């Protein structure tokens, strides 16, 4: 690899990797990623929201909320699950920062 030539061609920067030399490894890796993806899908609860890479945030489409049997419940579940994901990822001391909510005022 050529570090001193940032404008070099791809052949100068990356080593040759003919597919025939690693086809079996490629096939195995592909199958394992498929298995992991299917396990993740099976263990994840069905939800109407997803992580959007471009905005680095969770997305909950308005139409999914509008059409839900319980729009308020869906929105609360979305907010709670994204909060929990962020708090757990950041390793917050949740016992120190969270309080029990006694009641939620109705928006209606």
Protein backbone atom coordinates (compact mmCIF):
# COMPACT_ATOMS: atom_id res chain seq x y z
CA UNK A 1 0.00 0.00 0.00
CA UNK A 2 1.20 3.47 -0.76
CA UNK A 3 0.54 5.97 2.05
CA UNK A 4 2.67 8.68 0.50
CA UNK A 5 0.52 8.85 -2.64
CA UNK A 6 -3.00 9.95 -1.61
CA UNK A 7 -3.99 10.50 -5.25
CA UNK A 8 -2.75 7.08 -6.34
CA UNK A 9 -4.89 4.64 -8.23
CA UNK A 10 -6.89 1.98 -6.46
CA UNK A 11 -4.37 -0.67 -7.51
CA UNK A 12 -1.61 1.28 -5.77
CA UNK A 13 -3.59 1.75 -2.54
CA UNK A 14 -5.32 -1.64 -2.13
CA UNK A 15 -3.68 -5.05 -2.49
CA UNK A 16 -5.04 -7.48 -5.03
CA UNK A 17 -7.77 -9.75 -3.67
CA UNK A 18 -8.94 -12.18 -6.35
CA UNK A 19 -12.29 -13.69 -5.40
CA UNK A 20 -11.24 -17.22 -6.29
CA UNK A 21 -8.61 -17.16 -3.53
CA UNK A 22 -11.20 -16.49 -0.80
CA UNK A 23 -14.52 -17.60 -2.28
CA UNK A 24 -15.11 -20.17 0.52
CA UNK A 25 -14.43 -17.55 3.21
CA UNK A 26 -16.74 -15.12 1.43
CA UNK A 27 -19.54 -17.70 1.30
CA UNK A 28 -19.11 -18.58 4.98
CA UNK A 29 -19.05 -14.95 6.06
CA UNK A 30 -22.14 -14.22 3.99
CA UNK A 31 -24.05 -17.15 5.54
CA UNK A 32 -23.06 -16.15 9.08
CA UNK A 33 -24.23 -12.56 8.57
CA UNK A 34 -27.53 -13.89 7.25
CA UNK A 35 -27.94 -16.10 10.34
CA UNK A 36 -27.11 -13.24 12.72
CA UNK A 37 -29.56 -10.97 10.91
CA UNK A 38 -32.35 -13.54 11.13
CA UNK A 39 -31.70 -14.13 14.84
CA UNK A 40 -31.77 -10.38 15.48
CA UNK A 41 -35.00 -10.05 13.52
CA UNK A 42 -36.62 -12.93 15.42
CA UNK A 43 -35.62 -11.51 18.82
CA UNK A 44 -36.56 -7.90 18.10
CA UNK A 45 -40.10 -6.83 18.89
CA UNK A 46 -42.10 -5.65 15.87
CA UNK A 47 -42.10 -1.88 15.89
CA UNK A 48 -43.17 0.93 13.62
CA UNK A 49 -39.93 2.86 14.05
CA UNK A 50 -36.35 2.42 12.96
CA UNK A 51 -32.90 3.96 13.20
CA UNK A 52 -32.10 6.27 10.30
CA UNK A 53 -28.38 6.40 9.59
CA UNK A 54 -28.51 9.68 7.63
CA UNK A 55 -30.00 11.67 10.53
CA UNK A 56 -28.49 9.57 13.33
CA UNK A 57 -31.88 9.31 14.94
CA UNK A 58 -34.92 7.13 15.35
CA UNK A 59 -37.83 7.70 12.98
CA UNK A 60 -41.50 7.16 13.79
CA UNK A 61 -43.61 7.95 10.72
CA UNK A 62 -46.55 10.24 11.41
CA UNK A 63 -48.92 8.02 9.40
CA UNK A 64 -48.08 5.03 11.63
CA UNK A 65 -49.03 7.08 14.69
CA UNK A 66 -52.16 8.43 13.04
CA UNK A 67 -53.38 4.96 11.97
CA UNK A 68 -52.54 3.21 15.25
CA UNK A 69 -55.35 1.84 17.42
CA UNK A 70 -53.79 3.74 20.35
CA UNK A 71 -51.77 6.67 18.94
CA UNK A 72 -50.91 8.04 22.39
CA UNK A 73 -49.74 4.63 23.56
CA UNK A 74 -47.63 4.11 20.43
CA UNK A 75 -45.99 7.50 20.85
CA UNK A 76 -45.28 6.90 24.55
CA UNK A 77 -43.81 3.44 23.76
CA UNK A 78 -41.60 4.98 21.05
CA UNK A 79 -40.34 7.73 23.36
CA UNK A 80 -39.74 5.31 26.23
CA UNK A 81 -37.91 2.75 24.08
CA UNK A 82 -35.64 5.34 22.47
CA UNK A 83 -34.92 6.90 25.87
CA UNK A 84 -34.05 3.48 27.33
CA UNK A 85 -31.82 2.64 24.37
CA UNK A 86 -29.91 5.92 24.73
CA UNK A 87 -29.68 5.71 28.53
CA UNK A 88 -28.43 2.14 28.43
CA UNK A 89 -25.95 2.87 25.65
CA UNK A 90 -24.60 5.87 27.58
CA UNK A 91 -24.46 3.74 30.76
CA UNK A 92 -26.38 6.31 32.77
CA UNK A 93 -26.98 5.68 36.45
CA UNK A 94 -30.69 5.54 35.75
CA UNK A 95 -31.65 5.03 39.40
CA UNK A 96 -30.03 8.39 40.19
CA UNK A 97 -31.71 10.37 37.39
CA UNK A 98 -35.12 8.77 36.93
CA UNK A 99 -38.23 9.43 38.95
CA UNK A 100 -41.51 7.52 39.03
CA UNK A 101 -44.24 9.41 37.23
CA UNK A 102 -47.43 9.35 39.26
CA UNK A 103 -49.80 10.40 36.49
CA UNK A 104 -49.69 11.72 32.96
CA UNK A 105 -51.98 14.66 32.19
CA UNK A 106 -54.25 14.07 29.25
CA UNK A 107 -53.57 16.13 26.15
CA UNK A 108 -57.28 16.15 25.33
